[in-house]
Amino acid sequence: MAQRIYIKVVGFSDEERHALNTVFRLSEQCRTMYQLWTPQAAEPPRVALLDGQSWEARVEAESRSPRDLRLLWVGAHAPASIWRSFERPIAWHEVIGSLDLVFEPQPLDLDPDGPDSIMSHKQALIVSADRAERLYLRARLALARLTLADEAETATEAVQLARGKQYDLALVDAAVHDMDAWALVSHLRGGRWPIPHLALTKAARSVPDRLRAWRGRTALLAHPPDPERLDAWLSRIELGPAG
């Protein structure tokens, strides 16, 4: 059954608020939806997200808040009343993951070998010079219960990361500046630790590109990736081997 959880947000920079709003929008596709609380909201907030660098946030933490209001603190020196605290840079998927443990309805008979467990053990590599795109893709992966993700701003950095770790999947921005995207995909698939599942974002969807992707077992996704297409691709990774 779907539910909406209102979150009171105190403090944070414009960039951090933008990232948080992106996560809120993505949650609209889940059973548990998170939304910024305002005085005009239909219900009182059940969570307060507090910026430790904000004076107003400390006042909020020390006030007599409703007993069922969970307080999340970002930064050092969290007050004793705080339920969970997180360090900067903020990993929003970890924040939402903590809330899901409380608010997400869980089946009584959990299968440890089910899809959630499978995805939670997979490693992802996100390659894009665009920080907003990396954030969006990380958030989408987190909604699929895949939270183990490394980020690379350049193809060179991606190659270095792939040399030292086995990744299960990679999402590559076709507009990487320091290497042809198809060359990077080929390198990631044929390197020391081959990555079995690859997808290109922002890729031109011409017939030659489609043929090249088919031969190289590479998904072509728009920018930003359509949530249904991305989820379908992730579902294939859950259910079967590469290819």
C-alpha atoms as a PDB file:
ATOM      1  CA  MET A   1       0.000   0.000   0.000  1.00  0.00           C
ATOM      2  CA  ALA A   2       1.430   3.384  -1.010  1.00  0.00           C
ATOM      3  CA  GLN A   3       2.168   5.984   1.621  1.00  0.00           C
ATOM      4  CA  ARG A   4       3.545   9.527   1.680  1.00  0.00           C
ATOM      5  CA  ILE A   5       6.038  10.690   4.312  1.00  0.00           C
ATOM      6  CA  TYR A   6       6.497  14.425   4.796  1.00  0.00           C
ATOM      7  CA  ILE A   7       9.997  15.621   5.698  1.00  0.00           C
ATOM      8  CA  LYS A   8      10.776  18.963   7.307  1.00  0.00           C
ATOM      9  CA  VAL A   9      14.079  20.280   5.948  1.00  0.00           C
ATOM     10  CA  VAL A  10      16.085  22.897   7.852  1.00  0.00           C
ATOM     11  CA  GLY A  11      19.187  24.473   6.341  1.00  0.00           C
ATOM     12  CA  PHE A  12      21.329  23.119   3.448  1.00  0.00           C
ATOM     13  CA  SER A  13      22.761  24.844   0.391  1.00  0.00           C
ATOM     14  CA  ASP A  14      20.857  25.374  -2.845  1.00  0.00           C
ATOM     15  CA  GLU A  15      22.865  22.552  -4.468  1.00  0.00           C
ATOM     16  CA  GLU A  16      22.078  20.136  -1.630  1.00  0.00           C
ATOM     17  CA  ARG A  17      18.404  21.069  -1.746  1.00  0.00           C
ATOM     18  CA  HIS A  18      18.349  20.471  -5.489  1.00  0.00           C
ATOM     19  CA  ALA A  19      19.833  17.005  -4.970  1.00  0.00           C
ATOM     20  CA  LEU A  20      17.300  16.252  -2.234  1.00  0.00           C
ATOM     21  CA  ASN A  21      14.407  17.394  -4.420  1.00  0.00           C
ATOM     22  CA  THR A  22      15.637  15.021  -7.133  1.00  0.00           C
ATOM     23  CA  VAL A  23      15.530  12.141  -4.666  1.00  0.00           C
ATOM     24  CA  PHE A  24      12.026  13.185  -3.588  1.00  0.00           C
ATOM     25  CA  ARG A  25      10.835  13.143  -7.213  1.00  0.00           C
ATOM     26  CA  LEU A  26      12.302   9.694  -7.779  1.00  0.00           C
ATOM     27  CA  SER A  27      10.538   8.349  -4.696  1.00  0.00           C
ATOM     28  CA  GLU A  28       7.184   9.156  -6.347  1.00  0.00           C
ATOM     29  CA  GLN A  29       7.604   5.881  -8.250  1.00  0.00           C
ATOM     30  CA  CYS A  30       7.894   3.820  -5.053  1.00  0.00           C
ATOM     31  CA  ARG A  31       5.399   2.539  -2.504  1.00  0.00           C
ATOM     32  CA  THR A  32       6.889   4.892   0.085  1.00  0.00           C
ATOM     33  CA  MET A  33       7.013   8.446  -1.256  1.00  0.00           C
ATOM     34  CA  TYR A  34       8.949  11.237   0.425  1.00  0.00           C
ATOM     35  CA  GLN A  35       7.938  14.874   0.078  1.00  0.00           C
ATOM     36  CA  LEU A  36       9.132  18.204   1.427  1.00  0.00           C
ATOM     37  CA  TRP A  37       6.905  19.355   4.269  1.00  0.00           C
ATOM     38  CA  THR A  38       5.444  22.859   4.214  1.00  0.00           C
ATOM     39  CA  PRO A  39       2.903  24.460   6.564  1.00  0.00           C
ATOM     40  CA  GLN A  40       0.288  23.854   3.858  1.00  0.00           C
ATOM     41  CA  ALA A  41       0.908  20.071   3.777  1.00  0.00           C
ATOM     42  CA  ALA A  42      -1.991  17.723   4.441  1.00  0.00           C
ATOM     43  CA  GLU A  43      -0.183  16.049   7.349  1.00  0.00           C
ATOM     44  CA  PRO A  44       2.465  16.981   9.905  1.00  0.00           C
ATOM     45  CA  PRO A  45       6.056  15.922   9.168  1.00  0.00           C
ATOM     46  CA  ARG A  46       7.244  12.554  10.422  1.00  0.00           C
ATOM     47  CA  VAL A  47      10.920  13.299   9.784  1.00  0.00           C
ATOM     48  CA  ALA A  48      13.090  16.405  10.242  1.00  0.00           C
ATOM     49  CA  LEU A  49      16.286  16.596   8.173  1.00  0.00           C
ATOM     50  CA  LEU A  50      18.651  19.045   9.848  1.00  0.00           C
ATOM     51  CA  ASP A  51      21.781  20.742   8.519  1.00  0.00           C
ATOM     52  CA  GLY A  52      24.413  20.711  11.266  1.00  0.00           C
ATOM     53  CA  GLN A  53      25.900  23.935   9.874  1.00  0.00           C
ATOM     54  CA  SER A  54      22.629  25.774  10.382  1.00  0.00           C
ATOM     55  CA  TRP A  55      21.816  27.580  13.635  1.00  0.00           C
ATOM     56  CA  GLU A  56      18.110  27.029  12.996  1.00  0.00           C
ATOM     57  CA  ALA A  57      18.700  23.273  12.751  1.00  0.00           C
ATOM     58  CA  ARG A  58      20.281  23.123  16.201  1.00  0.00           C
ATOM     59  CA  VAL A  59      17.367  25.101  17.618  1.00  0.00           C
ATOM     60  CA  GLU A  60      14.996  22.589  15.979  1.00  0.00           C
ATOM     61  CA  ALA A  61      16.946  19.661  17.447  1.00  0.00           C
ATOM     62  CA  GLU A  62      16.817  21.132  20.945  1.00  0.00           C
ATOM     63  CA  SER A  63      13.150  22.108  20.796  1.00  0.00           C
ATOM     64  CA  ARG A  64      10.359  19.960  22.172  1.00  0.00           C
ATOM     65  CA  SER A  65       9.469  18.264  18.917  1.00  0.00           C
ATOM     66  CA  PRO A  66       6.652  15.708  18.723  1.00  0.00           C
ATOM     67  CA  ARG A  67       7.832  12.398  20.156  1.00  0.00           C
ATOM     68  CA  ASP A  68       7.211  10.530  16.908  1.00  0.00           C
ATOM     69  CA  LEU A  69       9.255  13.013  14.818  1.00  0.00           C
ATOM     70  CA  ARG A  70      12.498  11.349  13.746  1.00  0.00           C
ATOM     71  CA  LEU A  71      15.468  13.711  13.579  1.00  0.00           C
ATOM     72  CA  LEU A  72      18.201  13.191  10.978  1.00  0.00           C
ATOM     73  CA  TRP A  73      21.383  15.255  11.333  1.00  0.00           C
ATOM     74  CA  VAL A  74      23.923  16.020   8.616  1.00  0.00           C
ATOM     75  CA  GLY A  75      27.320  17.059   9.950  1.00  0.00           C
ATOM     76  CA  ALA A  76      29.428  16.731  13.078  1.00  0.00           C
ATOM     77  CA  HIS A  77      28.481  17.134  16.750  1.00  0.00           C
ATOM     78  CA  ALA A  78      24.969  15.741  16.548  1.00  0.00           C
ATOM     79  CA  PRO A  79      22.772  16.544  19.579  1.00  0.00           C
ATOM     80  CA  ALA A  80      21.636  13.703  21.836  1.00  0.00           C
ATOM     81  CA  SER A  81      18.071  13.914  20.488  1.00  0.00           C
ATOM     82  CA  ILE A  82      19.152  12.882  16.978  1.00  0.00           C
ATOM     83  CA  TRP A  83      17.909   9.545  15.621  1.00  0.00           C
ATOM     84  CA  ARG A  84      20.471   9.184  12.799  1.00  0.00           C
ATOM     85  CA  SER A  85      23.448  11.299  11.723  1.00  0.00           C
ATOM     86  CA  PHE A  86      25.348  11.464   8.411  1.00  0.00           C
ATOM     87  CA  GLU A  87      28.603  13.073   7.326  1.00  0.00           C
ATOM     88  CA  ARG A  88      29.278  15.256   4.309  1.00  0.00           C
ATOM     89  CA  PRO A  89      29.443  14.820   1.358  1.00  0.00           C
ATOM     90  CA  ILE A  90      25.861  13.662   1.687  1.00  0.00           C
ATOM     91  CA  ALA A  91      25.005  10.232   0.267  1.00  0.00           C
ATOM     92  CA  TRP A  92      21.279  10.768  -0.184  1.00  0.00           C
ATOM     93  CA  HIS A  93      20.649   7.100  -0.968  1.00  0.00           C
ATOM     94  CA  GLU A  94      21.931   6.256   2.531  1.00  0.00           C
ATOM     95  CA  VAL A  95      19.569   8.807   4.067  1.00  0.00           C
ATOM     96  CA  ILE A  96      16.594   7.424   2.151  1.00  0.00           C
ATOM     97  CA  GLY A  97      17.734   3.880   2.904  1.00  0.00           C
ATOM     98  CA  SER A  98      17.573   4.612   6.644  1.00  0.00           C
ATOM     99  CA  LEU A  99      14.044   5.953   6.245  1.00  0.00           C
ATOM    100  CA  ASP A 100      12.985   2.960   4.166  1.00  0.00           C
ATOM    101  CA  LEU A 101      14.024   0.647   7.009  1.00  0.00           C
ATOM    102  CA  VAL A 102      11.407   2.382   9.164  1.00  0.00           C
ATOM    103  CA  PHE A 103       8.632   3.319   6.757  1.00  0.00           C
ATOM    104  CA  GLU A 104       8.862   0.839   3.858  1.00  0.00           C
ATOM    105  CA  PRO A 105       6.355  -2.018   4.331  1.00  0.00           C
ATOM    106  CA  GLN A 106       8.261  -5.293   4.515  1.00  0.00           C
ATOM    107  CA  PRO A 107       6.902  -8.745   3.699  1.00  0.00           C
ATOM    108  CA  LEU A 108       6.820 -11.113   6.650  1.00  0.00           C
ATOM    109  CA  ASP A 109       8.644 -13.889   4.817  1.00  0.00           C
ATOM    110  CA  LEU A 110      11.807 -12.336   3.443  1.00  0.00           C
ATOM    111  CA  ASP A 111      13.705 -14.388   0.905  1.00  0.00           C
ATOM    112  CA  PRO A 112      17.455 -13.793   1.417  1.00  0.00           C
ATOM    113  CA  ASP A 113      18.067 -14.867  -2.166  1.00  0.00           C
ATOM    114  CA  GLY A 114      15.408 -12.569  -3.639  1.00  0.00           C
ATOM    115  CA  PRO A 115      15.981  -9.674  -6.075  1.00  0.00           C
ATOM    116  CA  ASP A 116      16.631  -7.084  -3.335  1.00  0.00           C
ATOM    117  CA  SER A 117      19.403  -9.215  -1.888  1.00  0.00           C
ATOM    118  CA  ILE A 118      20.888  -9.822  -5.341  1.00  0.00           C
ATOM    119  CA  MET A 119      21.037  -6.145  -6.236  1.00  0.00           C
ATOM    120  CA  SER A 120      22.336  -5.097  -2.823  1.00  0.00           C
ATOM    121  CA  HIS A 121      25.504  -7.117  -3.440  1.00  0.00           C
ATOM    122  CA  LYS A 122      26.209  -5.819  -6.944  1.00  0.00           C
ATOM    123  CA  GLN A 123      28.839  -3.174  -7.701  1.00  0.00           C
ATOM    124  CA  ALA A 124      28.114  -0.341 -10.142  1.00  0.00           C
ATOM    125  CA  LEU A 125      30.313   2.194 -11.920  1.00  0.00           C
ATOM    126  CA  ILE A 126      28.828   5.538 -13.001  1.00  0.00           C
ATOM    127  CA  VAL A 127      30.840   7.522 -15.558  1.00  0.00           C
ATOM    128  CA  SER A 128      29.850  11.115 -16.316  1.00  0.00           C
ATOM    129  CA  ALA A 129      31.381  14.576 -16.083  1.00  0.00           C
ATOM    130  CA  ASP A 130      27.924  15.881 -15.189  1.00  0.00           C
ATOM    131  CA  ARG A 131      27.464  15.742 -11.411  1.00  0.00           C
ATOM    132  CA  ALA A 132      23.688  16.075 -11.704  1.00  0.00           C
ATOM    133  CA  GLU A 133      23.566  13.055 -14.016  1.00  0.00           C
ATOM    134  CA  ARG A 134      25.733  11.017 -11.637  1.00  0.00           C
ATOM    135  CA  LEU A 135      23.399  11.928  -8.801  1.00  0.00           C
ATOM    136  CA  TYR A 136      20.319  10.981 -10.823  1.00  0.00           C
ATOM    137  CA  LEU A 137      21.780   7.609 -11.834  1.00  0.00           C
ATOM    138  CA  ARG A 138      22.952   6.868  -8.288  1.00  0.00           C
ATOM    139  CA  ALA A 139      19.486   7.646  -6.976  1.00  0.00           C
ATOM    140  CA  ARG A 140      17.855   5.405  -9.602  1.00  0.00           C
ATOM    141  CA  LEU A 141      20.198   2.557  -8.682  1.00  0.00           C
ATOM    142  CA  ALA A 142      19.442   3.075  -5.004  1.00  0.00           C
ATOM    143  CA  LEU A 143      15.724   2.701  -5.708  1.00  0.00           C
ATOM    144  CA  ALA A 144      16.585  -0.704  -7.197  1.00  0.00           C
ATOM    145  CA  ARG A 145      18.384  -1.513  -3.918  1.00  0.00           C
ATOM    146  CA  LEU A 146      21.782  -1.166  -5.585  1.00  0.00           C
ATOM    147  CA  THR A 147      23.738   1.166  -3.315  1.00  0.00           C
ATOM    148  CA  LEU A 148      27.331   0.030  -3.970  1.00  0.00           C
ATOM    149  CA  ALA A 149      28.319   2.512  -6.681  1.00  0.00           C
ATOM    150  CA  ASP A 150      31.550   4.314  -7.552  1.00  0.00           C
ATOM    151  CA  GLU A 151      31.645   7.482  -9.651  1.00  0.00           C
ATOM    152  CA  ALA A 152      34.139   8.632 -12.289  1.00  0.00           C
ATOM    153  CA  GLU A 153      34.158  12.075 -13.892  1.00  0.00           C
ATOM    154  CA  THR A 154      36.390  10.998 -16.793  1.00  0.00           C
ATOM    155  CA  ALA A 155      37.051   7.923 -18.893  1.00  0.00           C
ATOM    156  CA  THR A 156      40.605   7.807 -17.557  1.00  0.00           C
ATOM    157  CA  GLU A 157      39.323   7.657 -13.988  1.00  0.00           C
ATOM    158  CA  ALA A 158      36.813   4.956 -14.971  1.00  0.00           C
ATOM    159  CA  VAL A 159      39.563   2.821 -16.480  1.00  0.00           C
ATOM    160  CA  GLN A 160      41.638   3.168 -13.318  1.00  0.00           C
ATOM    161  CA  LEU A 161      38.719   2.140 -11.110  1.00  0.00           C
ATOM    162  CA  ALA A 162      37.923  -0.843 -13.321  1.00  0.00           C
ATOM    163  CA  ARG A 163      41.512  -2.066 -13.042  1.00  0.00           C
ATOM    164  CA  GLY A 164      41.173  -2.582  -9.316  1.00  0.00           C
ATOM    165  CA  LYS A 165      37.606  -3.796  -8.808  1.00  0.00           C
ATOM    166  CA  GLN A 166      35.105  -6.159 -10.400  1.00  0.00           C
ATOM    167  CA  TYR A 167      31.981  -4.195 -11.318  1.00  0.00           C
ATOM    168  CA  ASP A 168      28.726  -5.906 -12.263  1.00  0.00           C
ATOM    169  CA  LEU A 169      27.418  -3.015 -14.347  1.00  0.00           C
ATOM    170  CA  ALA A 170      28.441   0.380 -15.661  1.00  0.00           C
ATOM    171  CA  LEU A 171      26.471   3.404 -16.824  1.00  0.00           C
ATOM    172  CA  VAL A 172      28.570   5.509 -19.190  1.00  0.00           C
ATOM    173  CA  ASP A 173      27.825   9.034 -20.417  1.00  0.00           C
ATOM    174  CA  ALA A 174      28.293   8.952 -24.196  1.00  0.00           C
ATOM    175  CA  ALA A 175      29.631  12.513 -23.971  1.00  0.00           C
ATOM    176  CA  VAL A 176      32.811  11.646 -22.004  1.00  0.00           C
ATOM    177  CA  HIS A 177      35.474  14.150 -23.053  1.00  0.00           C
ATOM    178  CA  ASP A 178      38.782  12.296 -22.859  1.00  0.00           C
ATOM    179  CA  MET A 179      37.938   9.123 -24.804  1.00  0.00           C
ATOM    180  CA  ASP A 180      35.480   7.911 -27.405  1.00  0.00           C
ATOM    181  CA  ALA A 181      32.554   6.440 -25.496  1.00  0.00           C
ATOM    182  CA  TRP A 182      32.483   3.260 -27.574  1.00  0.00           C
ATOM    183  CA  ALA A 183      36.218   2.789 -26.962  1.00  0.00           C
ATOM    184  CA  LEU A 184      35.624   3.168 -23.243  1.00  0.00           C
ATOM    185  CA  VAL A 185      32.795   0.616 -23.344  1.00  0.00           C
ATOM    186  CA  SER A 186      35.068  -1.807 -25.198  1.00  0.00           C
ATOM    187  CA  HIS A 187      37.813  -1.283 -22.641  1.00  0.00           C
ATOM    188  CA  LEU A 188      35.481  -1.818 -19.694  1.00  0.00           C
ATOM    189  CA  ARG A 189      34.097  -4.990 -21.231  1.00  0.00           C
ATOM    190  CA  GLY A 190      37.485  -6.448 -22.176  1.00  0.00           C
ATOM    191  CA  GLY A 191      39.768  -5.281 -19.378  1.00  0.00           C
ATOM    192  CA  ARG A 192      41.312  -7.171 -16.494  1.00  0.00           C
ATOM    193  CA  TRP A 193      37.958  -7.239 -14.686  1.00  0.00           C
ATOM    194  CA  PRO A 194      35.394  -7.313 -17.527  1.00  0.00           C
ATOM    195  CA  ILE A 195      32.101  -5.567 -16.730  1.00  0.00           C
ATOM    196  CA  PRO A 196      29.298  -7.807 -18.039  1.00  0.00           C
ATOM    197  CA  HIS A 197      26.504  -5.219 -18.149  1.00  0.00           C
ATOM    198  CA  LEU A 198      27.015  -1.829 -19.797  1.00  0.00           C
ATOM    199  CA  ALA A 199      24.728   1.010 -20.842  1.00  0.00           C
ATOM    200  CA  LEU A 200      25.419   4.274 -22.667  1.00  0.00           C
ATOM    201  CA  THR A 201      23.401   7.377 -21.780  1.00  0.00           C
ATOM    202  CA  LYS A 202      22.887  10.335 -24.147  1.00  0.00           C
ATOM    203  CA  ALA A 203      23.720   7.944 -26.988  1.00  0.00           C
ATOM    204  CA  ALA A 204      22.479   8.667 -30.494  1.00  0.00           C
ATOM    205  CA  ARG A 205      19.890   6.040 -31.366  1.00  0.00           C
ATOM    206  CA  SER A 206      20.744   5.768 -35.060  1.00  0.00           C
ATOM    207  CA  VAL A 207      20.622   2.438 -36.886  1.00  0.00           C
ATOM    208  CA  PRO A 208      24.462   2.075 -36.854  1.00  0.00           C
ATOM    209  CA  ASP A 209      24.542   2.831 -33.145  1.00  0.00           C
ATOM    210  CA  ARG A 210      21.776   0.332 -32.464  1.00  0.00           C
ATOM    211  CA  LEU A 211      23.649  -2.329 -34.447  1.00  0.00           C
ATOM    212  CA  ARG A 212      26.901  -1.540 -32.664  1.00  0.00           C
ATOM    213  CA  ALA A 213      25.155  -1.727 -29.294  1.00  0.00           C
ATOM    214  CA  TRP A 214      23.535  -5.050 -30.179  1.00  0.00           C
ATOM    215  CA  ARG A 215      26.850  -6.567 -31.243  1.00  0.00           C
ATOM    216  CA  GLY A 216      28.572  -5.247 -28.142  1.00  0.00           C
ATOM    217  CA  ARG A 217      25.711  -6.218 -25.795  1.00  0.00           C
ATOM    218  CA  THR A 218      25.355  -2.593 -24.682  1.00  0.00           C
ATOM    219  CA  ALA A 219      22.098  -0.841 -23.783  1.00  0.00           C
ATOM    220  CA  LEU A 220      21.345   2.584 -25.284  1.00  0.00           C
ATOM    221  CA  LEU A 221      19.511   4.933 -22.932  1.00  0.00           C
ATOM    222  CA  ALA A 222      18.292   8.491 -23.427  1.00  0.00           C
ATOM    223  CA  HIS A 223      19.309  11.392 -21.173  1.00  0.00           C
ATOM    224  CA  PRO A 224      18.077  11.399 -18.577  1.00  0.00           C
ATOM    225  CA  PRO A 225      17.318   7.672 -18.851  1.00  0.00           C
ATOM    226  CA  ASP A 226      13.638   6.879 -19.004  1.00  0.00           C
ATOM    227  CA  PRO A 227      12.879   5.293 -15.594  1.00  0.00           C
ATOM    228  CA  GLU A 228      10.944   2.375 -17.129  1.00  0.00           C
ATOM    229  CA  ARG A 229      13.722   1.557 -19.619  1.00  0.00           C
ATOM    230  CA  LEU A 230      16.390   1.809 -16.945  1.00  0.00           C
ATOM    231  CA  ASP A 231      14.364  -0.342 -14.536  1.00  0.00           C
ATOM    232  CA  ALA A 232      13.792  -2.920 -17.278  1.00  0.00           C
ATOM    233  CA  TRP A 233      17.537  -3.069 -17.914  1.00  0.00           C
ATOM    234  CA  LEU A 234      18.238  -3.514 -14.200  1.00  0.00           C
ATOM    235  CA  SER A 235      15.585  -6.231 -14.010  1.00  0.00           C
ATOM    236  CA  ARG A 236      17.384  -8.208 -16.705  1.00  0.00           C
ATOM    237  CA  ILE A 237      20.577  -7.935 -14.662  1.00  0.00           C
ATOM    238  CA  GLU A 238      18.733  -9.329 -11.627  1.00  0.00           C
ATOM    239  CA  LEU A 239      17.151 -12.227 -13.465  1.00  0.00           C
ATOM    240  CA  GLY A 240      19.816 -13.554 -15.771  1.00  0.00           C
ATOM    241  CA  PRO A 241      23.423 -13.625 -16.942  1.00  0.00           C
ATOM    242  CA  ALA A 242      25.018 -11.013 -19.179  1.00  0.00           C
ATOM    243  CA  GLY A 243      23.966 -10.835 -22.788  1.00  0.00           C
END
